[in-house]
């Protein structure tokens, strides 16, 4: 079991170890000179950039309306119904999955792997029927509080935390488009028709 945890931790660390500098929405510079642009890895996670809109309902509650950018660049309303955005609140770009939750999610997978193999019974009592067993023997497994297990879990959390830094910087490159995102199309249309 400990070998499997080591392999899982190495896999996560390898996937998260690429150091890069975010230059723009379409430009990334690898900081490790040994890496070429031809390096292709299967992504550990797929993140979608969406824009959210704070809308005030009639009861005075604030709700999140989320839309995502489709392949054509057009916005698709997340609720499927309303295509016209209400300009009640400012819109901003964010990832569909909260980056703060990624650390915890991978740590939960790690913890779940440990708890799944706890108390697995040995086969001997079911095979050797004539023997009396005073207890049900179980397979040995690692304990979640073992020093090495805690260390491996922390390595996963740190690797994901470091991998989220470029993702956050990449999202910041979209701030320049928030003015366009929050532009009121009716006002722009009226200005355009006034100049014609």
C-alpha atoms as a PDB file:
ATOM      1  CA  UNK A   1       0.000   0.000   0.000  1.00  0.00           C
ATOM      2  CA  UNK A   2       2.783   2.429   0.871  1.00  0.00           C
ATOM      3  CA  UNK A   3       4.344   1.818  -2.553  1.00  0.00           C
ATOM      4  CA  UNK A   4       1.050   2.736  -4.227  1.00  0.00           C
ATOM      5  CA  UNK A   5       0.843   5.944  -2.206  1.00  0.00           C
ATOM      6  CA  UNK A   6       4.416   6.783  -3.197  1.00  0.00           C
ATOM      7  CA  UNK A   7       3.590   6.238  -6.882  1.00  0.00           C
ATOM      8  CA  UNK A   8       0.439   8.357  -6.641  1.00  0.00           C
ATOM      9  CA  UNK A   9       2.395  11.154  -4.967  1.00  0.00           C
ATOM     10  CA  UNK A  10       5.143  10.998  -7.620  1.00  0.00           C
ATOM     11  CA  UNK A  11       2.505  11.130 -10.355  1.00  0.00           C
ATOM     12  CA  UNK A  12       0.858  14.240  -8.872  1.00  0.00           C
ATOM     13  CA  UNK A  13       4.208  15.951  -8.294  1.00  0.00           C
ATOM     14  CA  UNK A  14       5.365  15.194 -11.851  1.00  0.00           C
ATOM     15  CA  UNK A  15       2.170  16.582 -13.336  1.00  0.00           C
ATOM     16  CA  UNK A  16       2.402  19.742 -11.223  1.00  0.00           C
ATOM     17  CA  UNK A  17       6.119  20.471 -11.499  1.00  0.00           C
ATOM     18  CA  UNK A  18       6.275  22.479 -14.737  1.00  0.00           C
ATOM     19  CA  UNK A  19       7.495  26.008 -14.007  1.00  0.00           C
ATOM     20  CA  UNK A  20       6.251  28.646 -16.411  1.00  0.00           C
ATOM     21  CA  UNK A  21       5.761  32.344 -16.811  1.00  0.00           C
ATOM     22  CA  UNK A  22       2.407  33.590 -18.059  1.00  0.00           C
ATOM     23  CA  UNK A  23       2.982  36.303 -20.661  1.00  0.00           C
ATOM     24  CA  UNK A  24      -0.581  36.726 -21.887  1.00  0.00           C
ATOM     25  CA  UNK A  25      -3.800  34.939 -22.698  1.00  0.00           C
ATOM     26  CA  UNK A  26      -2.083  33.081 -25.535  1.00  0.00           C
ATOM     27  CA  UNK A  27       1.591  33.100 -24.495  1.00  0.00           C
ATOM     28  CA  UNK A  28       3.460  30.982 -21.949  1.00  0.00           C
ATOM     29  CA  UNK A  29       7.198  30.763 -21.390  1.00  0.00           C
ATOM     30  CA  UNK A  30       8.682  27.610 -19.831  1.00  0.00           C
ATOM     31  CA  UNK A  31      11.237  28.506 -17.158  1.00  0.00           C
ATOM     32  CA  UNK A  32      12.956  25.125 -17.149  1.00  0.00           C
ATOM     33  CA  UNK A  33      15.495  25.160 -20.027  1.00  0.00           C
ATOM     34  CA  UNK A  34      15.443  21.354 -20.255  1.00  0.00           C
ATOM     35  CA  UNK A  35      11.792  21.415 -21.293  1.00  0.00           C
ATOM     36  CA  UNK A  36      11.060  21.949 -24.935  1.00  0.00           C
ATOM     37  CA  UNK A  37       7.832  23.225 -26.367  1.00  0.00           C
ATOM     38  CA  UNK A  38       7.267  19.726 -27.705  1.00  0.00           C
ATOM     39  CA  UNK A  39       6.650  18.294 -24.231  1.00  0.00           C
ATOM     40  CA  UNK A  40       3.109  17.045 -24.145  1.00  0.00           C
ATOM     41  CA  UNK A  41       1.493  15.684 -21.027  1.00  0.00           C
ATOM     42  CA  UNK A  42      -2.001  14.591 -20.358  1.00  0.00           C
ATOM     43  CA  UNK A  43      -3.507  17.284 -18.159  1.00  0.00           C
ATOM     44  CA  UNK A  44      -4.179  16.369 -14.564  1.00  0.00           C
ATOM     45  CA  UNK A  45      -7.309  18.546 -14.568  1.00  0.00           C
ATOM     46  CA  UNK A  46      -9.263  20.500 -17.135  1.00  0.00           C
ATOM     47  CA  UNK A  47     -10.331  23.977 -16.104  1.00  0.00           C
ATOM     48  CA  UNK A  48     -12.914  26.103 -17.886  1.00  0.00           C
ATOM     49  CA  UNK A  49     -12.891  29.872 -17.747  1.00  0.00           C
ATOM     50  CA  UNK A  50     -16.367  31.245 -17.175  1.00  0.00           C
ATOM     51  CA  UNK A  51     -17.723  34.667 -16.427  1.00  0.00           C
ATOM     52  CA  UNK A  52     -20.060  35.269 -13.554  1.00  0.00           C
ATOM     53  CA  UNK A  53     -22.610  37.931 -12.997  1.00  0.00           C
ATOM     54  CA  UNK A  54     -24.066  39.041  -9.691  1.00  0.00           C
ATOM     55  CA  UNK A  55     -27.798  39.520 -10.177  1.00  0.00           C
ATOM     56  CA  UNK A  56     -30.164  40.962  -7.616  1.00  0.00           C
ATOM     57  CA  UNK A  57     -33.482  39.168  -7.438  1.00  0.00           C
ATOM     58  CA  UNK A  58     -36.802  40.763  -6.469  1.00  0.00           C
ATOM     59  CA  UNK A  59     -36.446  39.604  -2.831  1.00  0.00           C
ATOM     60  CA  UNK A  60     -33.133  41.457  -2.528  1.00  0.00           C
ATOM     61  CA  UNK A  61     -31.004  38.311  -2.492  1.00  0.00           C
ATOM     62  CA  UNK A  62     -27.895  38.205  -4.626  1.00  0.00           C
ATOM     63  CA  UNK A  63     -27.423  35.128  -6.796  1.00  0.00           C
ATOM     64  CA  UNK A  64     -24.647  34.025  -9.097  1.00  0.00           C
ATOM     65  CA  UNK A  65     -25.404  33.670 -12.772  1.00  0.00           C
ATOM     66  CA  UNK A  66     -22.711  31.783 -14.604  1.00  0.00           C
ATOM     67  CA  UNK A  67     -22.024  31.653 -18.322  1.00  0.00           C
ATOM     68  CA  UNK A  68     -19.188  29.960 -20.114  1.00  0.00           C
ATOM     69  CA  UNK A  69     -17.393  30.780 -23.302  1.00  0.00           C
ATOM     70  CA  UNK A  70     -18.149  28.289 -26.045  1.00  0.00           C
ATOM     71  CA  UNK A  71     -15.797  27.252 -28.836  1.00  0.00           C
ATOM     72  CA  UNK A  72     -17.176  29.962 -31.092  1.00  0.00           C
ATOM     73  CA  UNK A  73     -16.472  32.613 -28.442  1.00  0.00           C
ATOM     74  CA  UNK A  74     -20.166  33.251 -27.839  1.00  0.00           C
ATOM     75  CA  UNK A  75     -21.544  33.169 -24.333  1.00  0.00           C
ATOM     76  CA  UNK A  76     -23.904  30.373 -23.372  1.00  0.00           C
ATOM     77  CA  UNK A  77     -26.148  31.018 -20.398  1.00  0.00           C
ATOM     78  CA  UNK A  78     -25.620  28.387 -17.724  1.00  0.00           C
ATOM     79  CA  UNK A  79     -29.311  28.276 -16.891  1.00  0.00           C
ATOM     80  CA  UNK A  80     -30.068  27.599 -20.564  1.00  0.00           C
ATOM     81  CA  UNK A  81     -32.771  30.217 -20.755  1.00  0.00           C
ATOM     82  CA  UNK A  82     -31.672  33.816 -20.834  1.00  0.00           C
ATOM     83  CA  UNK A  83     -29.200  34.880 -23.536  1.00  0.00           C
ATOM     84  CA  UNK A  84     -29.290  38.581 -22.701  1.00  0.00           C
ATOM     85  CA  UNK A  85     -27.209  39.528 -19.710  1.00  0.00           C
ATOM     86  CA  UNK A  86     -28.665  41.838 -17.129  1.00  0.00           C
ATOM     87  CA  UNK A  87     -26.264  44.666 -16.343  1.00  0.00           C
ATOM     88  CA  UNK A  88     -27.322  44.869 -12.699  1.00  0.00           C
ATOM     89  CA  UNK A  89     -23.863  43.872 -11.486  1.00  0.00           C
ATOM     90  CA  UNK A  90     -20.308  43.655 -12.663  1.00  0.00           C
ATOM     91  CA  UNK A  91     -19.189  40.532 -14.460  1.00  0.00           C
ATOM     92  CA  UNK A  92     -15.802  38.950 -14.033  1.00  0.00           C
ATOM     93  CA  UNK A  93     -13.842  35.954 -15.275  1.00  0.00           C
ATOM     94  CA  UNK A  94     -13.135  32.969 -13.067  1.00  0.00           C
ATOM     95  CA  UNK A  95     -12.506  29.253 -13.323  1.00  0.00           C
ATOM     96  CA  UNK A  96     -15.539  26.986 -13.271  1.00  0.00           C
ATOM     97  CA  UNK A  97     -13.785  24.956 -10.538  1.00  0.00           C
ATOM     98  CA  UNK A  98     -12.525  26.933  -7.566  1.00  0.00           C
ATOM     99  CA  UNK A  99      -8.742  26.534  -7.408  1.00  0.00           C
ATOM    100  CA  UNK A 100      -8.851  26.610  -3.613  1.00  0.00           C
ATOM    101  CA  UNK A 101     -10.842  23.357  -3.662  1.00  0.00           C
ATOM    102  CA  UNK A 102      -8.293  21.457  -5.784  1.00  0.00           C
ATOM    103  CA  UNK A 103      -5.850  20.894  -2.921  1.00  0.00           C
ATOM    104  CA  UNK A 104      -8.568  19.413  -0.754  1.00  0.00           C
ATOM    105  CA  UNK A 105      -9.994  17.299  -3.558  1.00  0.00           C
ATOM    106  CA  UNK A 106      -6.719  15.520  -4.292  1.00  0.00           C
ATOM    107  CA  UNK A 107      -6.020  15.140  -0.572  1.00  0.00           C
ATOM    108  CA  UNK A 108      -9.452  13.501  -0.201  1.00  0.00           C
ATOM    109  CA  UNK A 109      -8.609  11.028  -2.975  1.00  0.00           C
ATOM    110  CA  UNK A 110      -5.379  10.208  -1.146  1.00  0.00           C
ATOM    111  CA  UNK A 111      -7.232   9.774   2.174  1.00  0.00           C
ATOM    112  CA  UNK A 112      -9.950   7.680   0.535  1.00  0.00           C
ATOM    113  CA  UNK A 113      -7.323   5.316  -0.899  1.00  0.00           C
ATOM    114  CA  UNK A 114      -6.015   4.725   2.618  1.00  0.00           C
ATOM    115  CA  UNK A 115      -9.409   4.170   4.243  1.00  0.00           C
ATOM    116  CA  UNK A 116     -10.584   1.816   1.468  1.00  0.00           C
ATOM    117  CA  UNK A 117      -7.934  -0.752   2.321  1.00  0.00           C
ATOM    118  CA  UNK A 118      -8.434  -0.616   6.087  1.00  0.00           C
ATOM    119  CA  UNK A 119      -9.907  -3.784   7.642  1.00  0.00           C
ATOM    120  CA  UNK A 120      -9.771  -5.997   4.536  1.00  0.00           C
ATOM    121  CA  UNK A 121     -10.161  -9.532   5.904  1.00  0.00           C
ATOM    122  CA  UNK A 122      -7.597 -12.210   5.147  1.00  0.00           C
ATOM    123  CA  UNK A 123      -8.690 -15.224   3.116  1.00  0.00           C
ATOM    124  CA  UNK A 124      -7.485 -17.932   5.501  1.00  0.00           C
ATOM    125  CA  UNK A 125     -10.601 -18.036   7.741  1.00  0.00           C
ATOM    126  CA  UNK A 126     -12.892 -18.543   4.761  1.00  0.00           C
ATOM    127  CA  UNK A 127     -10.656 -21.196   3.156  1.00  0.00           C
ATOM    128  CA  UNK A 128      -9.725 -23.188   6.281  1.00  0.00           C
ATOM    129  CA  UNK A 129     -13.175 -24.115   7.560  1.00  0.00           C
ATOM    130  CA  UNK A 130     -12.121 -26.615  10.242  1.00  0.00           C
ATOM    131  CA  UNK A 131     -10.079 -24.123  12.238  1.00  0.00           C
ATOM    132  CA  UNK A 132     -11.391 -21.879  14.991  1.00  0.00           C
ATOM    133  CA  UNK A 133     -10.416 -18.222  14.691  1.00  0.00           C
ATOM    134  CA  UNK A 134     -10.672 -16.119  17.846  1.00  0.00           C
ATOM    135  CA  UNK A 135     -10.697 -12.970  15.737  1.00  0.00           C
ATOM    136  CA  UNK A 136     -10.975 -12.058  12.081  1.00  0.00           C
ATOM    137  CA  UNK A 137      -7.455 -11.371  10.835  1.00  0.00           C
ATOM    138  CA  UNK A 138      -7.118  -8.412   8.497  1.00  0.00           C
ATOM    139  CA  UNK A 139      -4.477  -7.448   5.963  1.00  0.00           C
ATOM    140  CA  UNK A 140      -1.910  -4.998   7.200  1.00  0.00           C
ATOM    141  CA  UNK A 141      -2.215  -1.510   5.832  1.00  0.00           C
ATOM    142  CA  UNK A 142      -0.775   1.927   6.422  1.00  0.00           C
ATOM    143  CA  UNK A 143      -2.404   4.120   9.015  1.00  0.00           C
ATOM    144  CA  UNK A 144      -3.481   7.663   8.049  1.00  0.00           C
ATOM    145  CA  UNK A 145      -1.483   9.092  10.963  1.00  0.00           C
ATOM    146  CA  UNK A 146       1.837   7.446  10.071  1.00  0.00           C
ATOM    147  CA  UNK A 147       4.636   9.943   9.603  1.00  0.00           C
ATOM    148  CA  UNK A 148       5.395   8.924   6.006  1.00  0.00           C
ATOM    149  CA  UNK A 149       1.705   9.024   5.019  1.00  0.00           C
ATOM    150  CA  UNK A 150       1.323  12.533   6.452  1.00  0.00           C
ATOM    151  CA  UNK A 151       4.470  13.585   4.583  1.00  0.00           C
ATOM    152  CA  UNK A 152       3.176  12.201   1.260  1.00  0.00           C
ATOM    153  CA  UNK A 153      -0.186  13.888   1.739  1.00  0.00           C
ATOM    154  CA  UNK A 154       1.538  17.211   2.407  1.00  0.00           C
ATOM    155  CA  UNK A 155       3.657  16.782  -0.739  1.00  0.00           C
ATOM    156  CA  UNK A 156       0.477  16.400  -2.796  1.00  0.00           C
ATOM    157  CA  UNK A 157      -1.092  19.502  -1.252  1.00  0.00           C
ATOM    158  CA  UNK A 158       2.096  21.548  -1.812  1.00  0.00           C
ATOM    159  CA  UNK A 159       2.448  20.367  -5.435  1.00  0.00           C
ATOM    160  CA  UNK A 160      -1.138  21.327  -6.271  1.00  0.00           C
ATOM    161  CA  UNK A 161      -0.748  24.655  -4.452  1.00  0.00           C
ATOM    162  CA  UNK A 162       2.356  25.469  -6.531  1.00  0.00           C
ATOM    163  CA  UNK A 163       0.603  24.394  -9.745  1.00  0.00           C
ATOM    164  CA  UNK A 164      -2.289  26.773  -9.025  1.00  0.00           C
ATOM    165  CA  UNK A 165      -0.008  29.843  -8.999  1.00  0.00           C
ATOM    166  CA  UNK A 166       0.393  30.000 -12.830  1.00  0.00           C
ATOM    167  CA  UNK A 167      -3.314  29.220 -13.215  1.00  0.00           C
ATOM    168  CA  UNK A 168      -4.185  32.233 -11.058  1.00  0.00           C
ATOM    169  CA  UNK A 169      -1.754  34.433 -12.991  1.00  0.00           C
ATOM    170  CA  UNK A 170      -3.287  33.236 -16.274  1.00  0.00           C
ATOM    171  CA  UNK A 171      -6.751  34.196 -15.064  1.00  0.00           C
ATOM    172  CA  UNK A 172      -5.436  37.666 -14.170  1.00  0.00           C
ATOM    173  CA  UNK A 173      -4.552  38.224 -17.840  1.00  0.00           C
ATOM    174  CA  UNK A 174      -8.282  38.321 -18.599  1.00  0.00           C
ATOM    175  CA  UNK A 175      -8.858  41.365 -16.348  1.00  0.00           C
ATOM    176  CA  UNK A 176      -8.133  43.575 -19.362  1.00  0.00           C
ATOM    177  CA  UNK A 177     -11.317  42.243 -21.020  1.00  0.00           C
ATOM    178  CA  UNK A 178     -13.678  42.950 -18.118  1.00  0.00           C
ATOM    179  CA  UNK A 179     -14.565  46.360 -19.528  1.00  0.00           C
ATOM    180  CA  UNK A 180     -15.698  44.685 -22.724  1.00  0.00           C
ATOM    181  CA  UNK A 181     -17.523  42.033 -20.748  1.00  0.00           C
ATOM    182  CA  UNK A 182     -19.416  44.652 -18.721  1.00  0.00           C
ATOM    183  CA  UNK A 183     -20.204  46.887 -21.678  1.00  0.00           C
ATOM    184  CA  UNK A 184     -23.913  47.688 -22.015  1.00  0.00           C
ATOM    185  CA  UNK A 185     -24.800  46.739 -25.590  1.00  0.00           C
ATOM    186  CA  UNK A 186     -27.938  48.920 -25.653  1.00  0.00           C
ATOM    187  CA  UNK A 187     -25.928  52.057 -24.806  1.00  0.00           C
ATOM    188  CA  UNK A 188     -23.296  51.170 -27.442  1.00  0.00           C
ATOM    189  CA  UNK A 189     -26.003  50.552 -30.030  1.00  0.00           C
ATOM    190  CA  UNK A 190     -27.636  53.908 -29.229  1.00  0.00           C
ATOM    191  CA  UNK A 191     -24.273  55.701 -29.528  1.00  0.00           C
ATOM    192  CA  UNK A 192     -23.594  53.999 -32.843  1.00  0.00           C
ATOM    193  CA  UNK A 193     -26.989  54.936 -34.273  1.00  0.00           C
ATOM    194  CA  UNK A 194     -26.597  58.550 -33.089  1.00  0.00           C
ATOM    195  CA  UNK A 195     -23.369  58.887 -35.083  1.00  0.00           C
ATOM    196  CA  UNK A 196     -24.962  57.495 -38.254  1.00  0.00           C
END
